[in-house]
Amino acid sequence: MPTCRPTLRTTLHVWAVGMLAIILVTAGAVMCSARDHTEGAVQRSPKDVRAGLTALLFSTLGFMMYFLFPNLLHKTGFIGDDIYNATGGDGLYYMTSVILPQAVGQVLTALAIITFIEKNTQLIVAKKTALNIITGLSWAVGNVLVFICAASPHVGQAIATTFSQLGVIVSTYGGIVILHEHKSKRQMAFILFGTVLITVGAVLMGMFTTR
């Protein structure tokens, strides 16, 4: 039976819907983090703004490559099909095995920052660090699930990464309900509208895109 290949029109449609979904999710996340006008604003110098934007650019690229790099190695042929498809033929074993070296790199980087930039090694054994291990383990579970979904031919990279950002909704409302964070009427309006945008973007990505 012949394999149906996507046409140019289908590909453009997928790209258009995918980009729209990403824009909606991003806009929604920004709106959920909107600050109130009554909060004390701190004037930043142009130098500080440039430094912040530079850090944001590099961190965004790093976070993006964190998810894309494992599959990208296979797409470019650096990782062969025999490795990627072992043992079940869907890339699951390969994608989950990548998490260990990534985790080692994250720990070493954190230790380097504490030692050479913060220059406060006491942070390693601090009580707050130990408590944050609980948060880290929760994040690790979600991280594993994202990579599992990215390896699945029924989900794929774009949908897995986009749906992972639905955590913004959980953290926003969790902060309000559990941590009792105060939000003004203006902020709540932004949060509600941002929630709608994120949800619509995720639904669009899940319904109208393919791997």
N, C-alpha and C. Protein backbone atom coordinates (compact mmCIF):
# COMPACT_ATOMS: atom_id res chain seq x y z
N MET A 1 0.85 -1.19 0.00
CA MET A 1 0.00 0.00 0.00
C MET A 1 0.88 1.23 0.00
N PRO A 2 0.70 2.21 -0.89
CA PRO A 2 1.57 3.35 -0.98
C PRO A 2 1.45 4.26 0.24
N THR A 3 2.60 4.84 0.62
CA THR A 3 2.64 5.75 1.76
C THR A 3 2.19 7.13 1.33
N CYS A 4 1.27 7.71 2.10
CA CYS A 4 0.77 9.05 1.80
C CYS A 4 1.74 10.09 2.36
N ARG A 5 2.33 10.87 1.46
CA ARG A 5 3.26 11.91 1.89
C ARG A 5 2.53 13.25 1.98
N PRO A 6 2.88 14.07 2.97
CA PRO A 6 2.21 15.35 3.11
C PRO A 6 2.52 16.27 1.93
N THR A 7 1.50 16.95 1.44
CA THR A 7 1.70 17.90 0.34
C THR A 7 2.23 19.21 0.89
N LEU A 8 2.68 20.07 -0.03
CA LEU A 8 3.19 21.38 0.37
C LEU A 8 2.11 22.18 1.09
N ARG A 9 0.89 22.08 0.60
CA ARG A 9 -0.23 22.80 1.22
C ARG A 9 -0.46 22.32 2.64
N THR A 10 -0.39 20.99 2.84
CA THR A 10 -0.56 20.43 4.18
C THR A 10 0.56 20.89 5.10
N THR A 11 1.80 20.87 4.58
CA THR A 11 2.95 21.29 5.38
C THR A 11 2.84 22.75 5.80
N LEU A 12 2.44 23.61 4.86
CA LEU A 12 2.29 25.03 5.18
C LEU A 12 1.17 25.24 6.21
N HIS A 13 0.11 24.44 6.07
CA HIS A 13 -1.00 24.53 7.03
C HIS A 13 -0.53 24.15 8.43
N VAL A 14 0.25 23.09 8.52
CA VAL A 14 0.76 22.64 9.81
C VAL A 14 1.67 23.70 10.42
N TRP A 15 2.56 24.28 9.59
CA TRP A 15 3.47 25.32 10.07
C TRP A 15 2.70 26.54 10.56
N ALA A 16 1.69 26.94 9.80
CA ALA A 16 0.92 28.14 10.16
C ALA A 16 0.18 27.93 11.48
N VAL A 17 -0.50 26.79 11.61
CA VAL A 17 -1.23 26.50 12.84
C VAL A 17 -0.27 26.34 14.01
N GLY A 18 0.85 25.69 13.76
CA GLY A 18 1.84 25.51 14.82
C GLY A 18 2.40 26.83 15.33
N MET A 19 2.73 27.74 14.40
CA MET A 19 3.25 29.05 14.80
C MET A 19 2.19 29.84 15.55
N LEU A 20 0.94 29.78 15.09
CA LEU A 20 -0.15 30.46 15.79
C LEU A 20 -0.31 29.92 17.20
N ALA A 21 -0.23 28.60 17.33
CA ALA A 21 -0.36 27.99 18.65
C ALA A 21 0.76 28.44 19.59
N ILE A 22 1.99 28.49 19.08
CA ILE A 22 3.13 28.92 19.89
C ILE A 22 2.96 30.38 20.32
N ILE A 23 2.50 31.23 19.41
CA ILE A 23 2.27 32.65 19.73
C ILE A 23 1.21 32.78 20.81
N LEU A 24 0.12 32.01 20.69
CA LEU A 24 -0.95 32.08 21.69
C LEU A 24 -0.46 31.63 23.06
N VAL A 25 0.29 30.53 23.10
CA VAL A 25 0.80 30.02 24.38
C VAL A 25 1.77 31.02 25.00
N THR A 26 2.65 31.59 24.18
CA THR A 26 3.62 32.56 24.69
C THR A 26 2.93 33.81 25.22
N ALA A 27 1.97 34.33 24.44
CA ALA A 27 1.23 35.52 24.87
C ALA A 27 0.46 35.24 26.16
N GLY A 28 -0.13 34.05 26.25
CA GLY A 28 -0.87 33.69 27.45
C GLY A 28 0.03 33.61 28.67
N ALA A 29 1.23 33.05 28.50
CA ALA A 29 2.17 32.95 29.62
C ALA A 29 2.61 34.34 30.09
N VAL A 30 2.84 35.25 29.13
CA VAL A 30 3.22 36.62 29.49
C VAL A 30 2.09 37.30 30.26
N MET A 31 0.85 37.10 29.81
CA MET A 31 -0.29 37.74 30.48
C MET A 31 -0.50 37.18 31.88
N CYS A 32 -0.23 35.89 32.06
CA CYS A 32 -0.39 35.29 33.39
C CYS A 32 0.63 35.83 34.39
N SER A 33 1.74 36.37 33.90
CA SER A 33 2.78 36.91 34.79
C SER A 33 2.75 38.43 34.84
N ALA A 34 1.67 39.05 34.36
CA ALA A 34 1.57 40.51 34.34
C ALA A 34 1.61 41.07 35.76
N ARG A 35 2.30 42.21 35.90
CA ARG A 35 2.40 42.87 37.20
C ARG A 35 1.39 44.01 37.28
N ASP A 36 1.05 44.37 38.50
CA ASP A 36 0.08 45.44 38.70
C ASP A 36 0.78 46.79 38.64
N HIS A 37 0.06 47.81 38.17
CA HIS A 37 0.64 49.15 38.07
C HIS A 37 0.98 49.72 39.43
N THR A 38 0.29 49.24 40.46
CA THR A 38 0.52 49.80 41.79
C THR A 38 1.77 49.26 42.46
N GLU A 39 2.35 48.20 41.89
CA GLU A 39 3.58 47.65 42.46
C GLU A 39 4.74 48.59 42.19
N GLY A 40 5.61 48.66 43.17
CA GLY A 40 6.74 49.57 43.04
C GLY A 40 7.65 49.19 41.88
N ALA A 41 7.74 50.06 40.92
CA ALA A 41 8.58 49.80 39.76
C ALA A 41 10.00 50.27 40.02
N VAL A 42 10.95 49.47 39.62
CA VAL A 42 12.36 49.81 39.80
C VAL A 42 12.93 50.24 38.45
N GLN A 43 13.50 51.42 38.42
CA GLN A 43 14.08 51.94 37.19
C GLN A 43 15.39 51.24 36.89
N ARG A 44 15.48 50.66 35.71
CA ARG A 44 16.69 49.94 35.33
C ARG A 44 17.46 50.76 34.31
N SER A 45 18.76 50.72 34.42
CA SER A 45 19.60 51.42 33.46
C SER A 45 19.61 50.66 32.14
N PRO A 46 19.88 51.36 31.02
CA PRO A 46 19.95 50.66 29.72
C PRO A 46 20.96 49.51 29.73
N LYS A 47 22.04 49.66 30.49
CA LYS A 47 23.05 48.60 30.57
C LYS A 47 22.46 47.35 31.23
N ASP A 48 21.69 47.55 32.31
CA ASP A 48 21.07 46.41 32.99
C ASP A 48 20.02 45.74 32.10
N VAL A 49 19.28 46.56 31.35
CA VAL A 49 18.27 46.01 30.44
C VAL A 49 18.92 45.16 29.37
N ARG A 50 20.01 45.67 28.78
CA ARG A 50 20.72 44.90 27.74
C ARG A 50 21.27 43.60 28.31
N ALA A 51 21.82 43.67 29.53
CA ALA A 51 22.38 42.47 30.15
C ALA A 51 21.26 41.46 30.42
N GLY A 52 20.10 41.94 30.87
CA GLY A 52 18.98 41.04 31.12
C GLY A 52 18.46 40.40 29.85
N LEU A 53 18.34 41.19 28.79
CA LEU A 53 17.87 40.65 27.51
C LEU A 53 18.86 39.65 26.93
N THR A 54 20.15 39.92 27.11
CA THR A 54 21.18 38.99 26.62
C THR A 54 21.08 37.65 27.37
N ALA A 55 20.94 37.74 28.69
CA ALA A 55 20.80 36.52 29.49
C ALA A 55 19.54 35.76 29.10
N LEU A 56 18.45 36.51 28.86
CA LEU A 56 17.19 35.88 28.45
C LEU A 56 17.33 35.18 27.10
N LEU A 57 18.05 35.82 26.17
CA LEU A 57 18.26 35.23 24.85
C LEU A 57 19.02 33.92 24.94
N PHE A 58 20.11 33.92 25.68
CA PHE A 58 20.92 32.70 25.79
C PHE A 58 20.18 31.61 26.56
N SER A 59 19.44 31.98 27.60
CA SER A 59 18.71 30.98 28.36
C SER A 59 17.58 30.39 27.52
N THR A 60 16.94 31.23 26.69
CA THR A 60 15.87 30.73 25.81
C THR A 60 16.42 29.76 24.78
N LEU A 61 17.56 30.12 24.16
CA LEU A 61 18.19 29.23 23.19
C LEU A 61 18.62 27.91 23.85
N GLY A 62 19.17 28.03 25.05
CA GLY A 62 19.60 26.83 25.76
C GLY A 62 18.43 25.93 26.12
N PHE A 63 17.34 26.53 26.58
CA PHE A 63 16.15 25.74 26.94
C PHE A 63 15.53 25.10 25.71
N MET A 64 15.56 25.83 24.59
CA MET A 64 15.02 25.29 23.34
C MET A 64 15.85 24.10 22.87
N MET A 65 17.17 24.26 22.88
CA MET A 65 18.04 23.18 22.42
C MET A 65 18.00 21.99 23.38
N TYR A 66 17.70 22.25 24.63
CA TYR A 66 17.60 21.17 25.62
C TYR A 66 16.58 20.12 25.16
N PHE A 67 15.46 20.61 24.59
CA PHE A 67 14.42 19.69 24.12
C PHE A 67 14.68 19.22 22.69
N LEU A 68 15.25 20.10 21.86
CA LEU A 68 15.40 19.78 20.44
C LEU A 68 16.63 18.93 20.13
N PHE A 69 17.69 19.11 20.90
CA PHE A 69 18.98 18.51 20.56
C PHE A 69 18.94 16.99 20.41
N PRO A 70 18.30 16.25 21.33
CA PRO A 70 18.30 14.78 21.17
C PRO A 70 17.69 14.32 19.86
N ASN A 71 16.51 14.85 19.50
CA ASN A 71 15.89 14.47 18.23
C ASN A 71 16.65 15.04 17.04
N LEU A 72 17.26 16.22 17.23
CA LEU A 72 18.01 16.85 16.15
C LEU A 72 19.22 16.01 15.75
N LEU A 73 19.86 15.38 16.72
CA LEU A 73 21.00 14.50 16.42
C LEU A 73 20.59 13.36 15.51
N HIS A 74 19.37 12.86 15.72
CA HIS A 74 18.88 11.77 14.87
C HIS A 74 18.48 12.30 13.50
N LYS A 75 17.80 13.44 13.45
CA LYS A 75 17.35 14.01 12.19
C LYS A 75 18.52 14.33 11.27
N THR A 76 19.64 14.77 11.84
CA THR A 76 20.80 15.13 11.03
C THR A 76 21.69 13.94 10.70
N GLY A 77 21.35 12.76 11.23
CA GLY A 77 22.11 11.56 10.92
C GLY A 77 23.27 11.28 11.85
N PHE A 78 23.50 12.16 12.85
CA PHE A 78 24.60 11.93 13.80
C PHE A 78 24.33 10.68 14.63
N ILE A 79 23.05 10.49 14.99
CA ILE A 79 22.63 9.26 15.68
C ILE A 79 21.88 8.40 14.66
N GLY A 80 22.40 7.21 14.41
CA GLY A 80 21.81 6.33 13.40
C GLY A 80 20.50 5.72 13.84
N ASP A 81 19.76 5.19 12.86
CA ASP A 81 18.47 4.56 13.13
C ASP A 81 18.61 3.35 14.05
N ASP A 82 19.75 2.65 13.95
CA ASP A 82 19.93 1.46 14.78
C ASP A 82 19.99 1.82 16.26
N ILE A 83 20.53 2.99 16.57
CA ILE A 83 20.59 3.44 17.96
C ILE A 83 19.27 4.06 18.37
N TYR A 84 18.74 4.93 17.51
CA TYR A 84 17.52 5.65 17.85
C TYR A 84 16.33 4.70 18.02
N ASN A 85 16.24 3.69 17.18
CA ASN A 85 15.08 2.79 17.19
C ASN A 85 15.20 1.62 18.16
N ALA A 86 16.38 1.45 18.78
CA ALA A 86 16.50 0.39 19.79
C ALA A 86 15.77 0.86 21.06
N THR A 87 15.07 0.00 21.74
CA THR A 87 14.86 -1.40 21.40
C THR A 87 13.45 -1.63 20.87
N GLY A 88 12.61 -0.62 20.99
CA GLY A 88 11.23 -0.81 20.58
C GLY A 88 10.88 -0.20 19.25
N GLY A 89 11.84 0.50 18.62
CA GLY A 89 11.60 1.07 17.30
C GLY A 89 10.91 2.41 17.30
N ASP A 90 10.74 3.04 18.48
CA ASP A 90 10.04 4.32 18.52
C ASP A 90 10.87 5.45 19.11
N GLY A 91 12.13 5.19 19.41
CA GLY A 91 12.99 6.23 19.94
C GLY A 91 12.86 6.44 21.44
N LEU A 92 11.99 5.68 22.09
CA LEU A 92 11.75 5.88 23.52
C LEU A 92 12.99 5.60 24.36
N TYR A 93 13.66 4.50 24.08
CA TYR A 93 14.84 4.12 24.85
C TYR A 93 15.94 5.18 24.70
N TYR A 94 16.13 5.64 23.46
CA TYR A 94 17.16 6.64 23.20
C TYR A 94 16.85 7.94 23.90
N MET A 95 15.59 8.43 23.77
CA MET A 95 15.22 9.73 24.34
C MET A 95 15.33 9.73 25.86
N THR A 96 14.91 8.65 26.51
CA THR A 96 14.99 8.60 27.97
C THR A 96 16.42 8.41 28.46
N SER A 97 17.26 7.73 27.68
CA SER A 97 18.65 7.55 28.09
C SER A 97 19.44 8.85 28.02
N VAL A 98 18.98 9.79 27.22
CA VAL A 98 19.65 11.09 27.10
C VAL A 98 19.50 11.89 28.39
N ILE A 99 18.46 11.61 29.17
CA ILE A 99 18.17 12.41 30.36
C ILE A 99 19.29 12.31 31.39
N LEU A 100 19.94 11.14 31.54
CA LEU A 100 20.99 10.96 32.54
C LEU A 100 22.17 11.90 32.30
N PRO A 101 22.78 11.91 31.10
CA PRO A 101 23.90 12.85 30.90
C PRO A 101 23.46 14.31 31.01
N GLN A 102 22.22 14.61 30.63
CA GLN A 102 21.73 15.97 30.80
C GLN A 102 21.67 16.33 32.28
N ALA A 103 21.19 15.40 33.10
CA ALA A 103 21.09 15.65 34.54
C ALA A 103 22.46 15.84 35.16
N VAL A 104 23.43 15.04 34.73
CA VAL A 104 24.81 15.19 35.23
C VAL A 104 25.35 16.56 34.87
N GLY A 105 25.10 17.00 33.64
CA GLY A 105 25.54 18.33 33.22
C GLY A 105 24.89 19.43 34.02
N GLN A 106 23.62 19.27 34.36
CA GLN A 106 22.91 20.28 35.15
C GLN A 106 23.49 20.38 36.56
N VAL A 107 23.78 19.24 37.17
CA VAL A 107 24.35 19.24 38.52
C VAL A 107 25.74 19.88 38.52
N LEU A 108 26.57 19.51 37.55
CA LEU A 108 27.92 20.08 37.47
C LEU A 108 27.88 21.58 37.22
N THR A 109 26.95 22.02 36.37
CA THR A 109 26.81 23.45 36.10
C THR A 109 26.36 24.20 37.35
N ALA A 110 25.40 23.63 38.08
CA ALA A 110 24.94 24.27 39.31
C ALA A 110 26.07 24.39 40.33
N LEU A 111 26.86 23.32 40.46
CA LEU A 111 28.00 23.36 41.39
C LEU A 111 29.03 24.40 40.95
N ALA A 112 29.25 24.52 39.65
CA ALA A 112 30.20 25.51 39.14
C ALA A 112 29.73 26.94 39.42
N ILE A 113 28.43 27.17 39.25
CA ILE A 113 27.87 28.51 39.51
C ILE A 113 28.02 28.86 40.99
N ILE A 114 27.69 27.90 41.87
CA ILE A 114 27.79 28.14 43.31
C ILE A 114 29.24 28.38 43.73
N THR A 115 30.17 27.63 43.12
CA THR A 115 31.57 27.69 43.54
C THR A 115 32.30 28.90 42.96
N PHE A 116 32.11 29.14 41.68
CA PHE A 116 32.95 30.16 41.02
C PHE A 116 32.25 31.49 40.80
N ILE A 117 30.92 31.51 40.77
CA ILE A 117 30.20 32.78 40.55
C ILE A 117 29.62 33.29 41.87
N GLU A 118 28.82 32.48 42.54
CA GLU A 118 28.28 32.89 43.83
C GLU A 118 29.34 32.86 44.93
N LYS A 119 30.33 31.94 44.77
CA LYS A 119 31.42 31.79 45.73
C LYS A 119 30.89 31.57 47.15
N ASN A 120 29.90 30.69 47.23
CA ASN A 120 29.29 30.36 48.52
C ASN A 120 28.92 28.89 48.52
N THR A 121 29.89 28.04 48.84
CA THR A 121 29.68 26.60 48.81
C THR A 121 28.74 26.13 49.91
N GLN A 122 28.46 26.99 50.89
CA GLN A 122 27.53 26.62 51.96
C GLN A 122 26.13 26.39 51.42
N LEU A 123 25.84 26.98 50.24
CA LEU A 123 24.52 26.80 49.65
C LEU A 123 24.26 25.34 49.29
N ILE A 124 25.33 24.57 49.09
CA ILE A 124 25.17 23.17 48.70
C ILE A 124 24.50 22.37 49.81
N VAL A 125 24.82 22.67 51.06
CA VAL A 125 24.28 21.90 52.19
C VAL A 125 23.23 22.69 52.97
N ALA A 126 22.74 23.78 52.40
CA ALA A 126 21.74 24.60 53.09
C ALA A 126 20.40 23.88 53.15
N LYS A 127 19.56 24.24 54.13
CA LYS A 127 18.26 23.61 54.30
C LYS A 127 17.36 23.88 53.10
N LYS A 128 17.42 25.10 52.56
CA LYS A 128 16.58 25.44 51.41
C LYS A 128 16.94 24.60 50.19
N THR A 129 18.23 24.27 50.06
CA THR A 129 18.66 23.42 48.95
C THR A 129 18.06 22.03 49.09
N ALA A 130 18.06 21.50 50.32
CA ALA A 130 17.50 20.17 50.55
C ALA A 130 15.99 20.16 50.27
N LEU A 131 15.29 21.22 50.67
CA LEU A 131 13.85 21.29 50.42
C LEU A 131 13.55 21.39 48.93
N ASN A 132 14.44 22.06 48.20
CA ASN A 132 14.24 22.21 46.76
C ASN A 132 14.42 20.89 46.01
N ILE A 133 15.01 19.89 46.67
CA ILE A 133 15.14 18.58 46.04
C ILE A 133 13.76 18.01 45.73
N ILE A 134 12.78 18.29 46.60
CA ILE A 134 11.41 17.82 46.37
C ILE A 134 10.86 18.43 45.08
N THR A 135 11.07 19.73 44.94
CA THR A 135 10.65 20.41 43.71
C THR A 135 11.36 19.84 42.50
N GLY A 136 12.66 19.59 42.67
CA GLY A 136 13.45 19.05 41.57
C GLY A 136 12.98 17.67 41.13
N LEU A 137 12.61 16.84 42.09
CA LEU A 137 12.13 15.50 41.76
C LEU A 137 10.79 15.58 41.02
N SER A 138 9.93 16.50 41.43
CA SER A 138 8.65 16.68 40.74
C SER A 138 8.89 17.12 39.30
N TRP A 139 9.82 18.06 39.13
CA TRP A 139 10.16 18.53 37.79
C TRP A 139 10.76 17.39 36.96
N ALA A 140 11.57 16.55 37.60
CA ALA A 140 12.23 15.45 36.89
C ALA A 140 11.20 14.48 36.31
N VAL A 141 10.14 14.21 37.08
CA VAL A 141 9.08 13.32 36.58
C VAL A 141 8.44 13.92 35.34
N GLY A 142 8.12 15.21 35.40
CA GLY A 142 7.54 15.88 34.23
C GLY A 142 8.50 15.89 33.06
N ASN A 143 9.79 16.06 33.35
CA ASN A 143 10.81 16.10 32.29
C ASN A 143 10.89 14.76 31.56
N VAL A 144 10.86 13.67 32.32
CA VAL A 144 10.89 12.34 31.72
C VAL A 144 9.67 12.13 30.83
N LEU A 145 8.50 12.56 31.31
CA LEU A 145 7.27 12.39 30.54
C LEU A 145 7.31 13.20 29.24
N VAL A 146 7.90 14.40 29.29
CA VAL A 146 8.02 15.21 28.07
C VAL A 146 8.87 14.49 27.03
N PHE A 147 9.98 13.91 27.46
CA PHE A 147 10.86 13.20 26.52
C PHE A 147 10.20 11.93 25.99
N ILE A 148 9.40 11.27 26.83
CA ILE A 148 8.67 10.09 26.36
C ILE A 148 7.67 10.49 25.28
N CYS A 149 6.96 11.60 25.53
CA CYS A 149 5.98 12.07 24.53
C CYS A 149 6.68 12.52 23.25
N ALA A 150 7.84 13.17 23.39
CA ALA A 150 8.58 13.62 22.21
C ALA A 150 9.03 12.45 21.36
N ALA A 151 9.27 11.30 21.99
CA ALA A 151 9.71 10.12 21.24
C ALA A 151 8.55 9.41 20.56
N SER A 152 7.33 9.66 21.04
CA SER A 152 6.17 8.95 20.48
C SER A 152 5.78 9.51 19.12
N PRO A 153 5.62 8.65 18.12
CA PRO A 153 5.19 9.12 16.80
C PRO A 153 3.76 9.66 16.81
N HIS A 154 3.01 9.38 17.86
CA HIS A 154 1.63 9.85 17.96
C HIS A 154 1.53 11.22 18.63
N VAL A 155 2.65 11.69 19.20
CA VAL A 155 2.66 12.98 19.89
C VAL A 155 3.67 13.91 19.23
N GLY A 156 4.96 13.60 19.39
CA GLY A 156 5.99 14.38 18.72
C GLY A 156 6.52 15.54 19.56
N GLN A 157 7.60 16.12 19.05
CA GLN A 157 8.33 17.16 19.75
C GLN A 157 7.49 18.42 20.00
N ALA A 158 6.85 18.92 18.97
CA ALA A 158 6.13 20.20 19.07
C ALA A 158 4.99 20.11 20.07
N ILE A 159 4.19 19.05 19.97
CA ILE A 159 3.05 18.91 20.87
C ILE A 159 3.51 18.68 22.30
N ALA A 160 4.53 17.84 22.49
CA ALA A 160 5.02 17.54 23.84
C ALA A 160 5.54 18.80 24.53
N THR A 161 6.33 19.59 23.81
CA THR A 161 6.89 20.80 24.41
C THR A 161 5.81 21.83 24.70
N THR A 162 4.87 21.99 23.76
CA THR A 162 3.80 22.96 23.96
C THR A 162 2.92 22.59 25.15
N PHE A 163 2.55 21.33 25.24
CA PHE A 163 1.70 20.90 26.35
C PHE A 163 2.43 21.01 27.69
N SER A 164 3.75 20.90 27.68
CA SER A 164 4.49 21.03 28.94
C SER A 164 4.35 22.43 29.51
N GLN A 165 4.08 23.41 28.64
CA GLN A 165 3.94 24.79 29.12
C GLN A 165 2.59 25.05 29.78
N LEU A 166 1.71 24.06 29.76
CA LEU A 166 0.45 24.21 30.50
C LEU A 166 0.71 24.27 32.00
N GLY A 167 1.94 23.94 32.40
CA GLY A 167 2.31 24.07 33.80
C GLY A 167 2.22 25.51 34.29
N VAL A 168 2.27 26.46 33.36
CA VAL A 168 2.12 27.87 33.73
C VAL A 168 0.76 28.10 34.40
N ILE A 169 -0.28 27.45 33.88
CA ILE A 169 -1.61 27.58 34.46
C ILE A 169 -1.64 27.00 35.87
N VAL A 170 -1.03 25.82 36.03
CA VAL A 170 -1.01 25.18 37.34
C VAL A 170 -0.27 26.04 38.35
N SER A 171 0.91 26.55 37.97
CA SER A 171 1.71 27.35 38.90
C SER A 171 1.02 28.67 39.24
N THR A 172 0.36 29.28 38.25
CA THR A 172 -0.30 30.56 38.49
C THR A 172 -1.45 30.42 39.48
N TYR A 173 -2.36 29.48 39.19
CA TYR A 173 -3.51 29.29 40.09
C TYR A 173 -3.10 28.62 41.39
N GLY A 174 -2.04 27.81 41.34
CA GLY A 174 -1.53 27.21 42.57
C GLY A 174 -1.01 28.28 43.52
N GLY A 175 -0.33 29.28 42.96
CA GLY A 175 0.18 30.37 43.78
C GLY A 175 -0.95 31.17 44.43
N ILE A 176 -2.04 31.32 43.68
CA ILE A 176 -3.18 32.09 44.20
C ILE A 176 -3.92 31.30 45.28
N VAL A 177 -4.20 30.03 45.00
CA VAL A 177 -5.03 29.21 45.90
C VAL A 177 -4.22 28.68 47.09
N ILE A 178 -3.04 28.12 46.81
CA ILE A 178 -2.27 27.46 47.87
C ILE A 178 -1.39 28.46 48.63
N LEU A 179 -0.67 29.32 47.90
CA LEU A 179 0.24 30.27 48.55
C LEU A 179 -0.43 31.59 48.89
N HIS A 180 -1.71 31.72 48.50
CA HIS A 180 -2.49 32.93 48.81
C HIS A 180 -1.83 34.21 48.30
N GLU A 181 -1.31 34.15 47.09
CA GLU A 181 -0.74 35.34 46.46
C GLU A 181 -1.86 36.31 46.10
N HIS A 182 -1.66 37.58 46.44
CA HIS A 182 -2.68 38.58 46.15
C HIS A 182 -2.56 39.06 44.71
N LYS A 183 -3.66 39.09 44.02
CA LYS A 183 -3.72 39.59 42.66
C LYS A 183 -4.80 40.67 42.56
N SER A 184 -4.47 41.75 41.88
CA SER A 184 -5.45 42.82 41.69
C SER A 184 -6.47 42.38 40.64
N LYS A 185 -7.54 43.18 40.50
CA LYS A 185 -8.55 42.87 39.48
C LYS A 185 -7.93 42.90 38.09
N ARG A 186 -7.02 43.83 37.87
CA ARG A 186 -6.35 43.93 36.56
C ARG A 186 -5.53 42.67 36.30
N GLN A 187 -4.79 42.21 37.30
CA GLN A 187 -3.98 41.01 37.13
C GLN A 187 -4.85 39.78 36.90
N MET A 188 -5.97 39.67 37.64
CA MET A 188 -6.85 38.52 37.47
C MET A 188 -7.46 38.50 36.07
N ALA A 189 -7.77 39.69 35.54
CA ALA A 189 -8.30 39.75 34.18
C ALA A 189 -7.26 39.26 33.18
N PHE A 190 -6.01 39.68 33.37
CA PHE A 190 -4.93 39.22 32.49
C PHE A 190 -4.73 37.71 32.63
N ILE A 191 -4.78 37.21 33.87
CA ILE A 191 -4.57 35.78 34.11
C ILE A 191 -5.66 34.95 33.45
N LEU A 192 -6.90 35.37 33.59
CA LEU A 192 -8.01 34.63 32.98
C LEU A 192 -7.89 34.62 31.45
N PHE A 193 -7.59 35.79 30.87
CA PHE A 193 -7.45 35.85 29.42
C PHE A 193 -6.22 35.06 28.95
N GLY A 194 -5.14 35.15 29.74
CA GLY A 194 -3.94 34.38 29.41
C GLY A 194 -4.17 32.90 29.46
N THR A 195 -4.99 32.46 30.44
CA THR A 195 -5.34 31.04 30.54
C THR A 195 -6.08 30.57 29.30
N VAL A 196 -7.00 31.40 28.82
CA VAL A 196 -7.74 31.05 27.61
C VAL A 196 -6.79 30.93 26.41
N LEU A 197 -5.87 31.88 26.28
CA LEU A 197 -4.92 31.85 25.16
C LEU A 197 -4.05 30.60 25.20
N ILE A 198 -3.53 30.26 26.38
CA ILE A 198 -2.68 29.08 26.51
C ILE A 198 -3.47 27.82 26.16
N THR A 199 -4.68 27.72 26.66
CA THR A 199 -5.51 26.54 26.40
C THR A 199 -5.83 26.40 24.92
N VAL A 200 -6.24 27.52 24.29
CA VAL A 200 -6.55 27.49 22.86
C VAL A 200 -5.32 27.11 22.04
N GLY A 201 -4.16 27.69 22.40
CA GLY A 201 -2.92 27.37 21.69
C GLY A 201 -2.57 25.90 21.81
N ALA A 202 -2.72 25.33 23.01
CA ALA A 202 -2.41 23.91 23.20
C ALA A 202 -3.37 23.03 22.42
N VAL A 203 -4.65 23.38 22.41
CA VAL A 203 -5.64 22.60 21.66
C VAL A 203 -5.34 22.65 20.16
N LEU A 204 -5.00 23.83 19.66
CA LEU A 204 -4.65 23.96 18.24
C LEU A 204 -3.44 23.10 17.90
N MET A 205 -2.44 23.13 18.76
CA MET A 205 -1.23 22.35 18.50
C MET A 205 -1.54 20.86 18.50
N GLY A 206 -2.40 20.44 19.42
CA GLY A 206 -2.73 19.02 19.51
C GLY A 206 -3.62 18.51 18.40
N MET A 207 -4.53 19.37 17.89
CA MET A 207 -5.50 18.92 16.91
C MET A 207 -5.05 19.05 15.46
N PHE A 208 -4.26 20.08 15.16
CA PHE A 208 -4.01 20.41 13.77
C PHE A 208 -2.55 20.31 13.33
N THR A 209 -1.68 19.74 14.15
CA THR A 209 -0.29 19.57 13.73
C THR A 209 0.07 18.11 13.78
N THR A 210 1.09 17.76 13.03
CA THR A 210 1.62 16.39 13.04
C THR A 210 3.09 16.47 13.31
N ARG A 211 3.68 15.32 13.57
CA ARG A 211 5.10 15.29 13.87
C ARG A 211 5.92 15.59 12.64
